[in-house]
Amino acid sequence: MSAVNIHRNLVSVYGEGCMSIQLVRRWRSWFLKGRQNVHDDERSGRPVTATDNAAVAAVRNVVEADRRVTIDEIMIRLPPGIEIGRSSI
C-alpha cells in the first residue's frame, strides 16, 4: 500500500489531526526495511531523572523547609543520589 493511501486511511479514521504524510512515508520506509514494532528504540545518553518521584519529593522537601531557598542552595541540599540539572529545578 502506498504512503498516500495509508495516510488517507489514517485521516478517515483519526481525522485531520493524525500524523503527516511525511511521517507516514518515514514509518512506511522503516517497516519495508524490516522494522517490526512501533515502540521507540533505546537511546544512549543521560536518563531523565527530574520527573522521577524521588527527585520531585526531594526538591519539594528542601523548598518546604525554607521557602526563600535559591536554586543553587537546592542543588547543594539535595540528598546523595538525587541529581537534577539546574534548569530542571
PDB file of N, CA and C in Angstrom:
ATOM      1  N   MET A   1       0.851  -1.170   0.000  1.00  0.00           N
ATOM      2  CA  MET A   1       0.000   0.000   0.000  1.00  0.00           C
ATOM      3  C   MET A   1       0.901   1.238   0.000  1.00  0.00           C
ATOM      4  N   SER A   2       0.545   2.223  -0.759  1.00  0.00           N
ATOM      5  CA  SER A   2       1.368   3.429  -0.840  1.00  0.00           C
ATOM      6  C   SER A   2       1.180   4.292   0.408  1.00  0.00           C
ATOM      7  N   ALA A   3       2.130   5.176   0.630  1.00  0.00           N
ATOM      8  CA  ALA A   3       2.061   6.073   1.781  1.00  0.00           C
ATOM      9  C   ALA A   3       0.841   6.980   1.686  1.00  0.00           C
ATOM     10  N   VAL A   4       0.493   7.394   0.501  1.00  0.00           N
ATOM     11  CA  VAL A   4      -0.670   8.268   0.315  1.00  0.00           C
ATOM     12  C   VAL A   4      -1.945   7.542   0.729  1.00  0.00           C
ATOM     13  N   ASN A   5      -2.078   6.288   0.339  1.00  0.00           N
ATOM     14  CA  ASN A   5      -3.267   5.511   0.723  1.00  0.00           C
ATOM     15  C   ASN A   5      -3.310   5.256   2.226  1.00  0.00           C
ATOM     16  N   ILE A   6      -2.160   4.976   2.799  1.00  0.00           N
ATOM     17  CA  ILE A   6      -2.105   4.780   4.257  1.00  0.00           C
ATOM     18  C   ILE A   6      -2.535   6.054   4.955  1.00  0.00           C
ATOM     19  N   HIS A   7      -2.023   7.199   4.485  1.00  0.00           N
ATOM     20  CA  HIS A   7      -2.376   8.483   5.099  1.00  0.00           C
ATOM     21  C   HIS A   7      -3.865   8.754   4.947  1.00  0.00           C
ATOM     22  N   ARG A   8      -4.437   8.482   3.786  1.00  0.00           N
ATOM     23  CA  ARG A   8      -5.882   8.674   3.587  1.00  0.00           C
ATOM     24  C   ARG A   8      -6.684   7.821   4.570  1.00  0.00           C
ATOM     25  N   ASN A   9      -6.262   6.581   4.767  1.00  0.00           N
ATOM     26  CA  ASN A   9      -6.948   5.715   5.723  1.00  0.00           C
ATOM     27  C   ASN A   9      -6.835   6.265   7.149  1.00  0.00           C
ATOM     28  N   LEU A  10      -5.663   6.745   7.509  1.00  0.00           N
ATOM     29  CA  LEU A  10      -5.479   7.322   8.847  1.00  0.00           C
ATOM     30  C   LEU A  10      -6.373   8.540   9.044  1.00  0.00           C
ATOM     31  N   VAL A  11      -6.440   9.400   8.035  1.00  0.00           N
ATOM     32  CA  VAL A  11      -7.277  10.598   8.125  1.00  0.00           C
ATOM     33  C   VAL A  11      -8.746  10.214   8.234  1.00  0.00           C
ATOM     34  N   SER A  12      -9.165   9.194   7.507  1.00  0.00           N
ATOM     35  CA  SER A  12     -10.574   8.788   7.572  1.00  0.00           C
ATOM     36  C   SER A  12     -10.940   8.228   8.949  1.00  0.00           C
ATOM     37  N   VAL A  13      -9.978   7.611   9.625  1.00  0.00           N
ATOM     38  CA  VAL A  13     -10.253   7.042  10.949  1.00  0.00           C
ATOM     39  C   VAL A  13     -10.023   8.062  12.064  1.00  0.00           C
ATOM     40  N   TYR A  14      -8.885   8.770  12.022  1.00  0.00           N
ATOM     41  CA  TYR A  14      -8.491   9.646  13.126  1.00  0.00           C
ATOM     42  C   TYR A  14      -8.724  11.128  12.869  1.00  0.00           C
ATOM     43  N   GLY A  15      -9.070  11.503  11.652  1.00  0.00           N
ATOM     44  CA  GLY A  15      -9.313  12.905  11.350  1.00  0.00           C
ATOM     45  C   GLY A  15      -8.041  13.616  10.918  1.00  0.00           C
ATOM     46  N   GLU A  16      -8.176  14.903  10.657  1.00  0.00           N
ATOM     47  CA  GLU A  16      -7.062  15.709  10.141  1.00  0.00           C
ATOM     48  C   GLU A  16      -5.907  15.857  11.139  1.00  0.00           C
ATOM     49  N   GLY A  17      -6.141  15.562  12.403  1.00  0.00           N
ATOM     50  CA  GLY A  17      -5.096  15.710  13.414  1.00  0.00           C
ATOM     51  C   GLY A  17      -4.121  14.553  13.479  1.00  0.00           C
ATOM     52  N   CYS A  18      -4.229  13.601  12.574  1.00  0.00           N
ATOM     53  CA  CYS A  18      -3.316  12.452  12.612  1.00  0.00           C
ATOM     54  C   CYS A  18      -1.949  12.835  12.050  1.00  0.00           C
ATOM     55  N   MET A  19      -1.045  11.900  12.014  1.00  0.00           N
ATOM     56  CA  MET A  19       0.323  12.173  11.557  1.00  0.00           C
ATOM     57  C   MET A  19       0.353  12.662  10.112  1.00  0.00           C
ATOM     58  N   SER A  20       1.394  13.385   9.799  1.00  0.00           N
ATOM     59  CA  SER A  20       1.552  13.966   8.463  1.00  0.00           C
ATOM     60  C   SER A  20       1.932  12.895   7.446  1.00  0.00           C
ATOM     61  N   ILE A  21       1.761  13.245   6.181  1.00  0.00           N
ATOM     62  CA  ILE A  21       2.131  12.325   5.104  1.00  0.00           C
ATOM     63  C   ILE A  21       3.631  12.043   5.131  1.00  0.00           C
ATOM     64  N   GLN A  22       4.439  13.037   5.506  1.00  0.00           N
ATOM     65  CA  GLN A  22       5.889  12.838   5.584  1.00  0.00           C
ATOM     66  C   GLN A  22       6.239  11.793   6.637  1.00  0.00           C
ATOM     67  N   LEU A  23       5.559  11.851   7.769  1.00  0.00           N
ATOM     68  CA  LEU A  23       5.818  10.874   8.823  1.00  0.00           C
ATOM     69  C   LEU A  23       5.338   9.482   8.406  1.00  0.00           C
ATOM     70  N   VAL A  24       4.231   9.414   7.708  1.00  0.00           N
ATOM     71  CA  VAL A  24       3.760   8.124   7.192  1.00  0.00           C
ATOM     72  C   VAL A  24       4.795   7.535   6.249  1.00  0.00           C
ATOM     73  N   ARG A  25       5.359   8.371   5.381  1.00  0.00           N
ATOM     74  CA  ARG A  25       6.388   7.895   4.461  1.00  0.00           C
ATOM     75  C   ARG A  25       7.603   7.353   5.213  1.00  0.00           C
ATOM     76  N   ARG A  26       8.005   8.064   6.259  1.00  0.00           N
ATOM     77  CA  ARG A  26       9.161   7.628   7.051  1.00  0.00           C
ATOM     78  C   ARG A  26       8.887   6.275   7.707  1.00  0.00           C
ATOM     79  N   TRP A  27       7.721   6.149   8.368  1.00  0.00           N
ATOM     80  CA  TRP A  27       7.386   4.893   9.033  1.00  0.00           C
ATOM     81  C   TRP A  27       7.252   3.755   8.030  1.00  0.00           C
ATOM     82  N   ARG A  28       6.635   4.032   6.884  1.00  0.00           N
ATOM     83  CA  ARG A  28       6.488   3.009   5.850  1.00  0.00           C
ATOM     84  C   ARG A  28       7.851   2.503   5.407  1.00  0.00           C
ATOM     85  N   SER A  29       8.789   3.438   5.218  1.00  0.00           N
ATOM     86  CA  SER A  29      10.149   3.084   4.820  1.00  0.00           C
ATOM     87  C   SER A  29      10.808   2.189   5.866  1.00  0.00           C
ATOM     88  N   TRP A  30      10.649   2.533   7.138  1.00  0.00           N
ATOM     89  CA  TRP A  30      11.241   1.726   8.213  1.00  0.00           C
ATOM     90  C   TRP A  30      10.667   0.315   8.215  1.00  0.00           C
ATOM     91  N   PHE A  31       9.355   0.200   8.045  1.00  0.00           N
ATOM     92  CA  PHE A  31       8.737  -1.129   8.048  1.00  0.00           C
ATOM     93  C   PHE A  31       9.147  -1.934   6.830  1.00  0.00           C
ATOM     94  N   LEU A  32       9.305  -1.296   5.689  1.00  0.00           N
ATOM     95  CA  LEU A  32       9.766  -2.007   4.495  1.00  0.00           C
ATOM     96  C   LEU A  32      11.200  -2.514   4.655  1.00  0.00           C
ATOM     97  N   LYS A  33      11.985  -1.813   5.505  1.00  0.00           N
ATOM     98  CA  LYS A  33      13.369  -2.225   5.764  1.00  0.00           C
ATOM     99  C   LYS A  33      13.466  -3.285   6.854  1.00  0.00           C
ATOM    100  N   GLY A  34      12.327  -3.691   7.425  1.00  0.00           N
ATOM    101  CA  GLY A  34      12.361  -4.780   8.394  1.00  0.00           C
ATOM    102  C   GLY A  34      11.941  -4.438   9.805  1.00  0.00           C
ATOM    103  N   ARG A  35      11.666  -3.198  10.096  1.00  0.00           N
ATOM    104  CA  ARG A  35      11.230  -2.849  11.448  1.00  0.00           C
ATOM    105  C   ARG A  35       9.933  -3.587  11.750  1.00  0.00           C
ATOM    106  N   GLN A  36       9.785  -4.050  13.017  1.00  0.00           N
ATOM    107  CA  GLN A  36       8.612  -4.846  13.345  1.00  0.00           C
ATOM    108  C   GLN A  36       7.793  -4.298  14.506  1.00  0.00           C
ATOM    109  N   ASN A  37       8.208  -3.195  15.108  1.00  0.00           N
ATOM    110  CA  ASN A  37       7.406  -2.648  16.192  1.00  0.00           C
ATOM    111  C   ASN A  37       7.337  -1.125  16.091  1.00  0.00           C
ATOM    112  N   VAL A  38       6.425  -0.535  16.834  1.00  0.00           N
ATOM    113  CA  VAL A  38       6.222   0.913  16.786  1.00  0.00           C
ATOM    114  C   VAL A  38       6.788   1.623  18.018  1.00  0.00           C
ATOM    115  N   HIS A  39       7.419   0.880  18.901  1.00  0.00           N
ATOM    116  CA  HIS A  39       7.973   1.472  20.121  1.00  0.00           C
ATOM    117  C   HIS A  39       9.305   2.146  19.826  1.00  0.00           C
ATOM    118  N   ASP A  40       9.629   3.166  20.621  1.00  0.00           N
ATOM    119  CA  ASP A  40      10.893   3.874  20.456  1.00  0.00           C
ATOM    120  C   ASP A  40      12.062   2.941  20.701  1.00  0.00           C
ATOM    121  N   ASP A  41      13.123   3.143  19.947  1.00  0.00           N
ATOM    122  CA  ASP A  41      14.359   2.392  20.162  1.00  0.00           C
ATOM    123  C   ASP A  41      15.087   2.956  21.374  1.00  0.00           C
ATOM    124  N   GLU A  42      15.902   2.127  22.004  1.00  0.00           N
ATOM    125  CA  GLU A  42      16.729   2.584  23.110  1.00  0.00           C
ATOM    126  C   GLU A  42      17.715   3.618  22.592  1.00  0.00           C
ATOM    127  N   ARG A  43      17.947   4.654  23.399  1.00  0.00           N
ATOM    128  CA  ARG A  43      18.897   5.687  23.009  1.00  0.00           C
ATOM    129  C   ARG A  43      19.934   5.846  24.103  1.00  0.00           C
ATOM    130  N   SER A  44      21.112   6.233  23.686  1.00  0.00           N
ATOM    131  CA  SER A  44      22.149   6.493  24.678  1.00  0.00           C
ATOM    132  C   SER A  44      21.944   7.896  25.234  1.00  0.00           C
ATOM    133  N   GLY A  45      22.604   8.159  26.299  1.00  0.00           N
ATOM    134  CA  GLY A  45      22.501   9.481  26.904  1.00  0.00           C
ATOM    135  C   GLY A  45      22.062   9.385  28.343  1.00  0.00           C
ATOM    136  N   ARG A  46      22.023  10.514  28.952  1.00  0.00           N
ATOM    137  CA  ARG A  46      21.666  10.583  30.349  1.00  0.00           C
ATOM    138  C   ARG A  46      20.172  10.319  30.537  1.00  0.00           C
ATOM    139  N   PRO A  47      19.801   9.470  31.480  1.00  0.00           N
ATOM    140  CA  PRO A  47      18.384   9.202  31.703  1.00  0.00           C
ATOM    141  C   PRO A  47      17.694  10.411  32.343  1.00  0.00           C
ATOM    142  N   VAL A  48      16.426  10.545  32.103  1.00  0.00           N
ATOM    143  CA  VAL A  48      15.662  11.651  32.677  1.00  0.00           C
ATOM    144  C   VAL A  48      15.384  11.326  34.133  1.00  0.00           C
ATOM    145  N   THR A  49      15.857  12.205  35.034  1.00  0.00           N
ATOM    146  CA  THR A  49      15.639  11.959  36.460  1.00  0.00           C
ATOM    147  C   THR A  49      14.841  13.071  37.116  1.00  0.00           C
ATOM    148  N   ALA A  50      14.653  14.194  36.433  1.00  0.00           N
ATOM    149  CA  ALA A  50      13.993  15.336  37.056  1.00  0.00           C
ATOM    150  C   ALA A  50      12.520  15.073  37.341  1.00  0.00           C
ATOM    151  N   THR A  51      11.877  14.214  36.586  1.00  0.00           N
ATOM    152  CA  THR A  51      10.467  13.945  36.827  1.00  0.00           C
ATOM    153  C   THR A  51      10.263  12.685  37.663  1.00  0.00           C
ATOM    154  N   ASP A  52      11.324  12.132  38.118  1.00  0.00           N
ATOM    155  CA  ASP A  52      11.340  10.980  38.992  1.00  0.00           C
ATOM    156  C   ASP A  52      10.626  11.346  40.308  1.00  0.00           C
ATOM    157  N   ASN A  53       9.766  10.484  40.837  1.00  0.00           N
ATOM    158  CA  ASN A  53       9.043  10.797  42.074  1.00  0.00           C
ATOM    159  C   ASN A  53       9.983  11.123  43.226  1.00  0.00           C
ATOM    160  N   ALA A  54      11.090  10.415  43.323  1.00  0.00           N
ATOM    161  CA  ALA A  54      12.049  10.664  44.406  1.00  0.00           C
ATOM    162  C   ALA A  54      12.680  12.045  44.257  1.00  0.00           C
ATOM    163  N   ALA A  55      13.007  12.443  43.030  1.00  0.00           N
ATOM    164  CA  ALA A  55      13.618  13.749  42.797  1.00  0.00           C
ATOM    165  C   ALA A  55      12.638  14.872  43.102  1.00  0.00           C
ATOM    166  N   VAL A  56      11.407  14.705  42.659  1.00  0.00           N
ATOM    167  CA  VAL A  56      10.384  15.724  42.921  1.00  0.00           C
ATOM    168  C   VAL A  56      10.163  15.869  44.427  1.00  0.00           C
ATOM    169  N   ALA A  57      10.083  14.765  45.129  1.00  0.00           N
ATOM    170  CA  ALA A  57       9.876  14.802  46.584  1.00  0.00           C
ATOM    171  C   ALA A  57      11.059  15.448  47.283  1.00  0.00           C
ATOM    172  N   ALA A  58      12.273  15.159  46.831  1.00  0.00           N
ATOM    173  CA  ALA A  58      13.465  15.737  47.456  1.00  0.00           C
ATOM    174  C   ALA A  58      13.487  17.253  47.288  1.00  0.00           C
ATOM    175  N   VAL A  59      13.185  17.739  46.108  1.00  0.00           N
ATOM    176  CA  VAL A  59      13.159  19.189  45.875  1.00  0.00           C
ATOM    177  C   VAL A  59      12.044  19.820  46.699  1.00  0.00           C
ATOM    178  N   ARG A  60      10.877  19.177  46.707  1.00  0.00           N
ATOM    179  CA  ARG A  60       9.745  19.705  47.488  1.00  0.00           C
ATOM    180  C   ARG A  60      10.110  19.811  48.967  1.00  0.00           C
ATOM    181  N   ASN A  61      10.797  18.807  49.523  1.00  0.00           N
ATOM    182  CA  ASN A  61      11.188  18.846  50.938  1.00  0.00           C
ATOM    183  C   ASN A  61      12.120  20.002  51.227  1.00  0.00           C
ATOM    184  N   VAL A  62      13.081  20.241  50.333  1.00  0.00           N
ATOM    185  CA  VAL A  62      14.028  21.345  50.535  1.00  0.00           C
ATOM    186  C   VAL A  62      13.293  22.679  50.498  1.00  0.00           C
ATOM    187  N   VAL A  63      12.400  22.852  49.539  1.00  0.00           N
ATOM    188  CA  VAL A  63      11.674  24.118  49.397  1.00  0.00           C
ATOM    189  C   VAL A  63      10.711  24.329  50.559  1.00  0.00           C
ATOM    190  N   GLU A  64      10.032  23.280  50.994  1.00  0.00           N
ATOM    191  CA  GLU A  64       9.090  23.434  52.105  1.00  0.00           C
ATOM    192  C   GLU A  64       9.801  23.744  53.416  1.00  0.00           C
ATOM    193  N   ALA A  65      11.046  23.291  53.546  1.00  0.00           N
ATOM    194  CA  ALA A  65      11.817  23.591  54.753  1.00  0.00           C
ATOM    195  C   ALA A  65      12.241  25.056  54.785  1.00  0.00           C
ATOM    196  N   ASP A  66      12.464  25.657  53.631  1.00  0.00           N
ATOM    197  CA  ASP A  66      12.892  27.062  53.556  1.00  0.00           C
ATOM    198  C   ASP A  66      12.379  27.644  52.242  1.00  0.00           C
ATOM    199  N   ARG A  67      11.298  28.392  52.308  1.00  0.00           N
ATOM    200  CA  ARG A  67      10.666  28.924  51.101  1.00  0.00           C
ATOM    201  C   ARG A  67      11.519  29.983  50.390  1.00  0.00           C
ATOM    202  N   ARG A  68      12.546  30.472  51.042  1.00  0.00           N
ATOM    203  CA  ARG A  68      13.400  31.502  50.439  1.00  0.00           C
ATOM    204  C   ARG A  68      14.695  30.922  49.878  1.00  0.00           C
ATOM    205  N   VAL A  69      14.751  29.634  49.736  1.00  0.00           N
ATOM    206  CA  VAL A  69      15.946  28.957  49.260  1.00  0.00           C
ATOM    207  C   VAL A  69      16.155  29.269  47.778  1.00  0.00           C
ATOM    208  N   THR A  70      17.415  29.400  47.372  1.00  0.00           N
ATOM    209  CA  THR A  70      17.731  29.645  45.961  1.00  0.00           C
ATOM    210  C   THR A  70      17.915  28.320  45.222  1.00  0.00           C
ATOM    211  N   ILE A  71      17.943  28.412  43.926  1.00  0.00           N
ATOM    212  CA  ILE A  71      18.134  27.205  43.115  1.00  0.00           C
ATOM    213  C   ILE A  71      19.481  26.560  43.418  1.00  0.00           C
ATOM    214  N   ASP A  72      20.518  27.375  43.540  1.00  0.00           N
ATOM    215  CA  ASP A  72      21.845  26.828  43.842  1.00  0.00           C
ATOM    216  C   ASP A  72      21.854  26.131  45.202  1.00  0.00           C
ATOM    217  N   GLU A  73      21.151  26.698  46.189  1.00  0.00           N
ATOM    218  CA  GLU A  73      21.093  26.070  47.504  1.00  0.00           C
ATOM    219  C   GLU A  73      20.316  24.757  47.456  1.00  0.00           C
ATOM    220  N   ILE A  74      19.278  24.716  46.625  1.00  0.00           N
ATOM    221  CA  ILE A  74      18.524  23.467  46.473  1.00  0.00           C
ATOM    222  C   ILE A  74      19.453  22.377  45.956  1.00  0.00           C
ATOM    223  N   MET A  75      20.252  22.707  44.955  1.00  0.00           N
ATOM    224  CA  MET A  75      21.179  21.726  44.385  1.00  0.00           C
ATOM    225  C   MET A  75      22.141  21.196  45.437  1.00  0.00           C
ATOM    226  N   ILE A  76      22.597  22.079  46.316  1.00  0.00           N
ATOM    227  CA  ILE A  76      23.544  21.682  47.363  1.00  0.00           C
ATOM    228  C   ILE A  76      22.855  20.814  48.420  1.00  0.00           C
ATOM    229  N   ARG A  77      21.618  21.142  48.753  1.00  0.00           N
ATOM    230  CA  ARG A  77      20.907  20.453  49.831  1.00  0.00           C
ATOM    231  C   ARG A  77      20.247  19.135  49.424  1.00  0.00           C
ATOM    232  N   LEU A  78      20.244  18.823  48.148  1.00  0.00           N
ATOM    233  CA  LEU A  78      19.623  17.564  47.730  1.00  0.00           C
ATOM    234  C   LEU A  78      20.396  16.382  48.299  1.00  0.00           C
ATOM    235  N   PRO A  79      19.699  15.320  48.683  1.00  0.00           N
ATOM    236  CA  PRO A  79      20.382  14.147  49.228  1.00  0.00           C
ATOM    237  C   PRO A  79      21.241  13.458  48.171  1.00  0.00           C
ATOM    238  N   PRO A  80      22.241  12.700  48.611  1.00  0.00           N
ATOM    239  CA  PRO A  80      23.086  11.974  47.660  1.00  0.00           C
ATOM    240  C   PRO A  80      22.233  11.027  46.798  1.00  0.00           C
ATOM    241  N   GLY A  81      22.595  10.925  45.554  1.00  0.00           N
ATOM    242  CA  GLY A  81      21.869  10.049  44.640  1.00  0.00           C
ATOM    243  C   GLY A  81      20.781  10.758  43.840  1.00  0.00           C
ATOM    244  N   ILE A  82      20.406  11.944  44.276  1.00  0.00           N
ATOM    245  CA  ILE A  82      19.418  12.736  43.527  1.00  0.00           C
ATOM    246  C   ILE A  82      20.201  13.766  42.722  1.00  0.00           C
ATOM    247  N   GLU A  83      20.217  13.582  41.423  1.00  0.00           N
ATOM    248  CA  GLU A  83      20.930  14.509  40.553  1.00  0.00           C
ATOM    249  C   GLU A  83      19.948  15.135  39.582  1.00  0.00           C
ATOM    250  N   ILE A  84      19.784  16.446  39.716  1.00  0.00           N
ATOM    251  CA  ILE A  84      18.869  17.197  38.863  1.00  0.00           C
ATOM    252  C   ILE A  84      19.628  18.399  38.335  1.00  0.00           C
ATOM    253  N   GLY A  85      19.471  18.673  37.078  1.00  0.00           N
ATOM    254  CA  GLY A  85      20.097  19.846  36.494  1.00  0.00           C
ATOM    255  C   GLY A  85      19.479  21.124  37.015  1.00  0.00           C
ATOM    256  N   ARG A  86      20.262  22.187  36.986  1.00  0.00           N
ATOM    257  CA  ARG A  86      19.811  23.487  37.482  1.00  0.00           C
ATOM    258  C   ARG A  86      18.542  23.932  36.776  1.00  0.00           C
ATOM    259  N   SER A  87      18.478  23.771  35.466  1.00  0.00           N
ATOM    260  CA  SER A  87      17.311  24.222  34.716  1.00  0.00           C
ATOM    261  C   SER A  87      16.057  23.420  35.065  1.00  0.00           C
ATOM    262  N   SER A  88      16.222  22.187  35.477  1.00  0.00           N
ATOM    263  CA  SER A  88      15.062  21.371  35.853  1.00  0.00           C
ATOM    264  C   SER A  88      14.506  21.741  37.221  1.00  0.00           C
ATOM    265  N   ILE A  89      15.371  22.185  38.103  1.00  0.00           N
ATOM    266  CA  ILE A  89      14.917  22.599  39.427  1.00  0.00           C
ATOM    267  C   ILE A  89      14.046  23.809  39.294  1.00  0.00           C
TER     268      ILE A  89
END
